[in-house]
Amino acid sequence: LEGRTAIITGATRGIGKALALRLADLGVNVTVTGKTVDDSDKEMEGTIHKTAEAVEERGAEALPVQHDVRDEDNCKEVVDETVDKWGGLDILINNAGAIQLTDVENTPPNRYDLLMEVNARGTYVMSHYALPHLRDNEWGHILTASPPISTDRTPGRTAYGLSKVGMTFIAQSLAGEVEDEPIGVNAFWPLTA
């Protein structure tokens, strides 16, 4: 993977940051995206700049970009900035996510919309803009942090479960669209890794 380039959505903390650091250890240049750019939110540690610094401390190059996956223009800009900086794109990791583990009665419709916009739609839009560049290098990979499609139901977290299964459905459908091409598309469930 040395010298490859990756975009990781939602890389300010948690799984996204861990993925950024692991890829940096392997010599991958990383575009670190997320909404958090400063330490003003004391409840949630981490910023795109701190993750980018940690990537660079491990010897890889980093590009921190503030990013809201709900904003289509911003999604395109992230891909364009990455390609402009490194001349291409090899890996897209759809990791950004919204979470609310509540039942239908306690999940207002606007929160349902947020979960669908960030999780399922964000995955779709980022994949849409990344795909032409992944095809160009004849090696590209898309990884999506989502559960197995065989998930039966998610009582007590209906909206969240649907949005995450939507991510998997996008990944599996996209994998079928590119099955005769040298592009890999996978959904992975990080909580069981």
Protein backbone atom coordinates (compact mmCIF):
# COMPACT_ATOMS: atom_id res chain seq x y z
CA LEU A 1 0.00 0.00 0.00
CA GLU A 2 2.98 2.32 0.26
CA GLY A 3 2.48 5.48 -1.80
CA ARG A 4 -1.27 4.91 -2.22
CA THR A 5 -3.81 7.61 -1.39
CA ALA A 6 -6.92 7.25 0.78
CA ILE A 7 -9.85 9.40 1.81
CA ILE A 8 -11.37 8.53 5.17
CA THR A 9 -14.64 10.20 6.08
CA GLY A 10 -15.17 10.80 9.78
CA ALA A 11 -11.50 10.46 10.75
CA THR A 12 -11.32 12.83 13.71
CA ARG A 13 -11.68 10.10 16.35
CA GLY A 14 -12.60 6.48 16.94
CA ILE A 15 -12.55 3.97 14.10
CA GLY A 16 -11.80 6.59 11.44
CA LYS A 17 -8.74 7.87 13.28
CA ALA A 18 -7.54 4.32 13.96
CA LEU A 19 -7.86 3.53 10.24
CA ALA A 20 -5.95 6.71 9.32
CA LEU A 21 -3.09 5.81 11.66
CA ARG A 22 -2.92 2.20 10.45
CA LEU A 23 -2.83 3.31 6.81
CA ALA A 24 -0.13 5.85 7.70
CA ASP A 25 1.92 3.03 9.20
CA LEU A 26 1.66 1.31 5.81
CA GLY A 27 2.84 4.43 3.95
CA VAL A 28 -0.54 5.55 2.64
CA ASN A 29 -1.21 9.28 2.14
CA VAL A 30 -4.46 10.14 3.93
CA THR A 31 -7.09 12.80 3.39
CA VAL A 32 -8.51 13.18 6.89
CA THR A 33 -12.08 14.44 6.84
CA GLY A 34 -14.54 15.39 9.52
CA LYS A 35 -16.56 18.29 10.81
CA THR A 36 -14.41 19.04 13.88
CA VAL A 37 -11.61 21.53 13.25
CA ASP A 38 -10.96 22.89 16.75
CA ASP A 39 -11.17 21.83 20.39
CA SER A 40 -14.23 23.94 21.24
CA ASP A 41 -16.37 20.80 21.69
CA LYS A 42 -15.06 19.56 25.04
CA GLU A 43 -17.29 16.48 25.04
CA MET A 44 -15.73 14.90 21.96
CA GLU A 45 -11.97 14.90 21.63
CA GLY A 46 -10.29 15.00 18.26
CA THR A 47 -10.00 17.22 15.22
CA ILE A 48 -9.05 16.71 11.60
CA HIS A 49 -5.82 18.59 12.34
CA LYS A 50 -4.84 16.36 15.28
CA THR A 51 -5.45 13.23 13.22
CA ALA A 52 -3.48 14.71 10.31
CA GLU A 53 -0.57 15.51 12.66
CA ALA A 54 -0.61 11.94 13.97
CA VAL A 55 -0.58 10.60 10.40
CA GLU A 56 2.43 12.77 9.56
CA GLU A 57 4.22 11.70 12.76
CA ARG A 58 4.02 8.16 11.37
CA GLY A 59 5.78 9.24 8.16
CA ALA A 60 2.86 9.55 5.75
CA GLU A 61 1.44 12.72 4.22
CA ALA A 62 -1.93 14.05 5.35
CA LEU A 63 -4.49 16.49 4.03
CA PRO A 64 -7.02 17.66 6.65
CA VAL A 65 -10.30 18.80 5.05
CA GLN A 66 -13.38 19.95 6.92
CA HIS A 67 -16.20 17.87 5.53
CA ASP A 68 -19.92 17.35 5.97
CA VAL A 69 -21.04 14.29 3.98
CA ARG A 70 -24.53 15.81 3.76
CA ASP A 71 -23.17 18.55 1.49
CA GLU A 72 -22.79 17.22 -2.06
CA ASP A 73 -20.56 20.07 -3.23
CA ASN A 74 -18.30 19.53 -0.22
CA CYS A 75 -18.06 15.80 -1.05
CA LYS A 76 -16.91 16.61 -4.58
CA GLU A 77 -14.41 19.14 -3.21
CA VAL A 78 -12.87 16.53 -0.89
CA VAL A 79 -12.29 14.18 -3.82
CA ASP A 80 -11.00 16.97 -6.07
CA GLU A 81 -8.59 18.31 -3.41
CA THR A 82 -7.24 14.81 -2.81
CA VAL A 83 -6.66 14.19 -6.52
CA ASP A 84 -5.10 17.64 -6.94
CA LYS A 85 -2.66 17.03 -4.06
CA TRP A 86 -1.56 13.48 -4.89
CA GLY A 87 -2.53 13.01 -8.53
CA GLY A 88 -5.09 10.29 -7.91
CA LEU A 89 -7.17 8.33 -5.45
CA ASP A 90 -6.79 4.67 -4.50
CA ILE A 91 -8.99 4.08 -1.46
CA LEU A 92 -12.25 5.56 -0.18
CA ILE A 93 -13.33 4.58 3.32
CA ASN A 94 -16.93 5.56 4.07
CA ASN A 95 -16.67 5.77 7.83
CA ALA A 96 -18.53 8.98 8.77
CA GLY A 97 -21.66 8.18 10.68
CA ALA A 98 -24.47 9.55 12.75
CA ILE A 99 -25.80 7.45 15.59
CA GLN A 100 -28.95 7.36 17.65
CA LEU A 101 -29.88 4.12 19.34
CA THR A 102 -33.52 4.83 20.13
CA ASP A 103 -36.84 3.29 19.19
CA VAL A 104 -39.29 4.74 16.70
CA GLU A 105 -41.31 6.59 19.33
CA ASN A 106 -38.19 8.35 20.62
CA THR A 107 -36.59 9.11 17.25
CA PRO A 108 -38.14 12.24 15.76
CA PRO A 109 -38.43 12.39 11.97
CA ASN A 110 -35.73 15.05 11.67
CA ARG A 111 -33.27 12.74 13.46
CA TYR A 112 -34.30 9.89 11.10
CA ASP A 113 -33.50 12.22 8.18
CA LEU A 114 -30.09 13.04 9.67
CA LEU A 115 -29.21 9.35 10.07
CA MET A 116 -30.20 8.60 6.48
CA GLU A 117 -28.41 11.68 5.10
CA VAL A 118 -25.12 11.03 6.89
CA ASN A 119 -24.98 7.25 6.77
CA ALA A 120 -26.65 6.05 3.59
CA ARG A 121 -26.66 9.17 1.39
CA GLY A 122 -23.16 10.23 2.47
CA THR A 123 -21.83 6.82 1.41
CA TYR A 124 -23.61 7.09 -1.93
CA VAL A 125 -22.41 10.63 -2.71
CA MET A 126 -18.78 10.00 -1.73
CA SER A 127 -18.72 6.78 -3.76
CA HIS A 128 -20.25 8.59 -6.74
CA TYR A 129 -17.50 11.23 -6.83
CA ALA A 130 -14.64 8.85 -6.00
CA LEU A 131 -15.50 6.11 -8.49
CA PRO A 132 -14.12 7.72 -11.68
CA HIS A 133 -10.75 8.25 -9.99
CA LEU A 134 -10.70 4.72 -8.59
CA ARG A 135 -11.37 3.39 -12.10
CA ASP A 136 -8.53 5.53 -13.52
CA ASN A 137 -5.88 3.78 -11.46
CA GLU A 138 -7.28 0.28 -12.14
CA TRP A 139 -6.78 -0.68 -8.51
CA GLY A 140 -9.24 1.34 -6.43
CA HIS A 141 -11.05 0.14 -3.33
CA ILE A 142 -14.13 1.37 -1.49
CA LEU A 143 -14.67 0.20 2.09
CA THR A 144 -17.85 1.02 3.97
CA ALA A 145 -18.30 0.74 7.75
CA SER A 146 -21.63 -1.07 7.81
CA PRO A 147 -23.18 -4.36 8.98
CA PRO A 148 -23.79 -7.61 7.14
CA ILE A 149 -26.85 -7.38 4.89
CA SER A 150 -28.19 -10.47 6.65
CA THR A 151 -29.08 -8.31 9.65
CA ASP A 152 -32.65 -9.31 10.55
CA ARG A 153 -34.01 -6.36 12.56
CA THR A 154 -32.84 -3.72 14.96
CA PRO A 155 -35.49 -3.30 17.68
CA GLY A 156 -34.90 -0.15 19.68
CA ARG A 157 -32.76 1.43 16.99
CA THR A 158 -34.84 1.24 13.83
CA ALA A 159 -33.70 4.44 12.10
CA TYR A 160 -30.03 3.82 12.83
CA GLY A 161 -30.24 0.19 11.72
CA LEU A 162 -31.96 1.10 8.47
CA SER A 163 -29.39 3.79 7.67
CA LYS A 164 -26.49 1.39 8.29
CA VAL A 165 -28.04 -1.43 6.27
CA GLY A 166 -28.57 1.16 3.53
CA MET A 167 -24.80 1.69 3.53
CA THR A 168 -24.26 -2.04 3.08
CA PHE A 169 -26.85 -2.20 0.31
CA ILE A 170 -24.99 0.59 -1.54
CA ALA A 171 -21.65 -1.19 -1.10
CA GLN A 172 -22.99 -4.54 -2.29
CA SER A 173 -24.85 -3.02 -5.23
CA LEU A 174 -21.77 -1.06 -6.25
CA ALA A 175 -19.65 -4.20 -5.97
CA GLY A 176 -22.00 -5.85 -8.46
CA GLU A 177 -21.69 -2.89 -10.82
CA VAL A 178 -17.88 -3.10 -10.91
CA GLU A 179 -17.42 -6.87 -10.60
CA ASP A 180 -15.68 -7.13 -13.98
CA GLU A 181 -13.35 -4.24 -13.18
CA PRO A 182 -10.17 -4.12 -11.07
CA ILE A 183 -11.99 -2.30 -8.26
CA GLY A 184 -12.85 -3.74 -4.87
CA VAL A 185 -15.95 -2.70 -2.93
CA ASN A 186 -16.68 -4.09 0.52
CA ALA A 187 -18.82 -3.45 3.55
CA PHE A 188 -17.22 -4.21 6.89
CA TRP A 189 -18.60 -4.28 10.38
CA PRO A 190 -15.93 -2.69 12.57
CA LEU A 191 -17.60 -3.56 15.88
CA THR A 192 -16.85 -7.25 15.33
CA ALA A 193 -13.28 -6.74 14.12
